[in-house]
C-alpha atoms as a PDB file:
ATOM      1  CA  UNK A   1      39.709 -83.545 -24.131  1.00  0.00           C
ATOM      2  CA  UNK A   2      43.055 -81.827 -24.697  1.00  0.00           C
ATOM      3  CA  UNK A   3      45.967 -83.780 -26.149  1.00  0.00           C
ATOM      4  CA  UNK A   4      49.097 -83.056 -24.108  1.00  0.00           C
ATOM      5  CA  UNK A   5      51.539 -85.524 -25.651  1.00  0.00           C
ATOM      6  CA  UNK A   6      51.608 -87.541 -28.865  1.00  0.00           C
ATOM      7  CA  UNK A   7      54.393 -90.097 -29.226  1.00  0.00           C
ATOM      8  CA  UNK A   8      54.565 -93.021 -31.665  1.00  0.00           C
ATOM      9  CA  UNK A   9      53.627 -95.467 -28.921  1.00  0.00           C
ATOM     10  CA  UNK A  10      51.653 -93.376 -26.427  1.00  0.00           C
ATOM     11  CA  UNK A  11      49.260 -90.451 -26.218  1.00  0.00           C
ATOM     12  CA  UNK A  12      48.344 -88.435 -23.123  1.00  0.00           C
ATOM     13  CA  UNK A  13      45.186 -86.363 -22.771  1.00  0.00           C
ATOM     14  CA  UNK A  14      43.871 -83.983 -20.159  1.00  0.00           C
ATOM     15  CA  UNK A  15      40.463 -85.487 -19.474  1.00  0.00           C
ATOM     16  CA  UNK A  16      39.309 -82.485 -17.467  1.00  0.00           C
ATOM     17  CA  UNK A  17      37.967 -82.143 -13.988  1.00  0.00           C
ATOM     18  CA  UNK A  18      39.168 -80.449 -10.866  1.00  0.00           C
ATOM     19  CA  UNK A  19      41.606 -81.813  -9.843  1.00  0.00           C
ATOM     20  CA  UNK A  20      42.951 -82.737 -13.270  1.00  0.00           C
ATOM     21  CA  UNK A  21      42.425 -86.231 -14.692  1.00  0.00           C
ATOM     22  CA  UNK A  22      44.501 -87.767 -17.419  1.00  0.00           C
ATOM     23  CA  UNK A  23      43.949 -90.465 -20.028  1.00  0.00           C
ATOM     24  CA  UNK A  24      47.017 -92.364 -21.209  1.00  0.00           C
ATOM     25  CA  UNK A  25      46.459 -94.377 -24.394  1.00  0.00           C
ATOM     26  CA  UNK A  26      48.969 -97.183 -24.866  1.00  0.00           C
ATOM     27  CA  UNK A  27      48.739 -99.789 -27.664  1.00  0.00           C
ATOM     28  CA  UNK A  28      49.563-102.645 -25.271  1.00  0.00           C
ATOM     29  CA  UNK A  29      47.978-101.543 -21.983  1.00  0.00           C
ATOM     30  CA  UNK A  30      44.954 -99.823 -23.526  1.00  0.00           C
ATOM     31  CA  UNK A  31      43.439 -96.820 -21.807  1.00  0.00           C
ATOM     32  CA  UNK A  32      44.644 -95.769 -18.368  1.00  0.00           C
ATOM     33  CA  UNK A  33      42.527 -93.156 -16.604  1.00  0.00           C
ATOM     34  CA  UNK A  34      44.447 -91.430 -13.801  1.00  0.00           C
ATOM     35  CA  UNK A  35      42.720 -89.442 -11.057  1.00  0.00           C
ATOM     36  CA  UNK A  36      39.338 -90.454 -12.455  1.00  0.00           C
ATOM     37  CA  UNK A  37      36.599 -87.832 -12.212  1.00  0.00           C
ATOM     38  CA  UNK A  38      33.024 -88.521 -11.117  1.00  0.00           C
ATOM     39  CA  UNK A  39      31.079 -90.556 -13.680  1.00  0.00           C
ATOM     40  CA  UNK A  40      29.706 -88.580 -16.595  1.00  0.00           C
ATOM     41  CA  UNK A  41      28.034 -90.337 -19.541  1.00  0.00           C
ATOM     42  CA  UNK A  42      29.394 -87.848 -22.103  1.00  0.00           C
ATOM     43  CA  UNK A  43      32.960 -88.346 -20.809  1.00  0.00           C
ATOM     44  CA  UNK A  44      32.409 -92.117 -20.822  1.00  0.00           C
ATOM     45  CA  UNK A  45      31.404 -92.015 -24.493  1.00  0.00           C
ATOM     46  CA  UNK A  46      34.421 -89.847 -25.365  1.00  0.00           C
ATOM     47  CA  UNK A  47      36.815 -92.188 -23.546  1.00  0.00           C
ATOM     48  CA  UNK A  48      35.253 -95.285 -25.125  1.00  0.00           C
ATOM     49  CA  UNK A  49      35.748 -93.800 -28.590  1.00  0.00           C
ATOM     50  CA  UNK A  50      39.445 -93.204 -27.884  1.00  0.00           C
ATOM     51  CA  UNK A  51      40.449 -96.418 -26.112  1.00  0.00           C
ATOM     52  CA  UNK A  52      39.076 -99.209 -23.978  1.00  0.00           C
ATOM     53  CA  UNK A  53      39.810 -98.069 -20.413  1.00  0.00           C
ATOM     54  CA  UNK A  54      41.478-101.086 -18.806  1.00  0.00           C
ATOM     55  CA  UNK A  55      43.006 -99.401 -15.762  1.00  0.00           C
ATOM     56  CA  UNK A  56      41.358 -96.842 -13.526  1.00  0.00           C
ATOM     57  CA  UNK A  57      43.137 -94.954 -10.762  1.00  0.00           C
ATOM     58  CA  UNK A  58      40.803 -93.184  -8.352  1.00  0.00           C
ATOM     59  CA  UNK A  59      41.857 -90.007  -6.554  1.00  0.00           C
ATOM     60  CA  UNK A  60      43.091 -90.371  -2.994  1.00  0.00           C
ATOM     61  CA  UNK A  61      40.991 -88.680  -0.324  1.00  0.00           C
ATOM     62  CA  UNK A  62      44.047 -86.677   0.764  1.00  0.00           C
ATOM     63  CA  UNK A  63      45.937 -86.522  -2.533  1.00  0.00           C
ATOM     64  CA  UNK A  64      49.716 -86.685  -2.382  1.00  0.00           C
ATOM     65  CA  UNK A  65      49.643 -86.083   1.371  1.00  0.00           C
ATOM     66  CA  UNK A  66      48.425 -89.681   1.800  1.00  0.00           C
ATOM     67  CA  UNK A  67      51.684 -91.022   0.305  1.00  0.00           C
ATOM     68  CA  UNK A  68      53.776 -89.232   2.931  1.00  0.00           C
ATOM     69  CA  UNK A  69      52.270 -91.206   5.823  1.00  0.00           C
END
């Protein structure tokens, strides 16, 4: 887990994977996992230690190309 941004009210981490997944930690919203990777118990434990993941965004089958149609 690589910390990309650390602000007083929000932190952003590169959670790994290919394509990249990101964890946003917000004091109000909780954990937001964007472009969630396949389930991995070690990653689950790491995420749970950092924040309760309340929102999960799964990757689109076609990525950004799906938004253009």
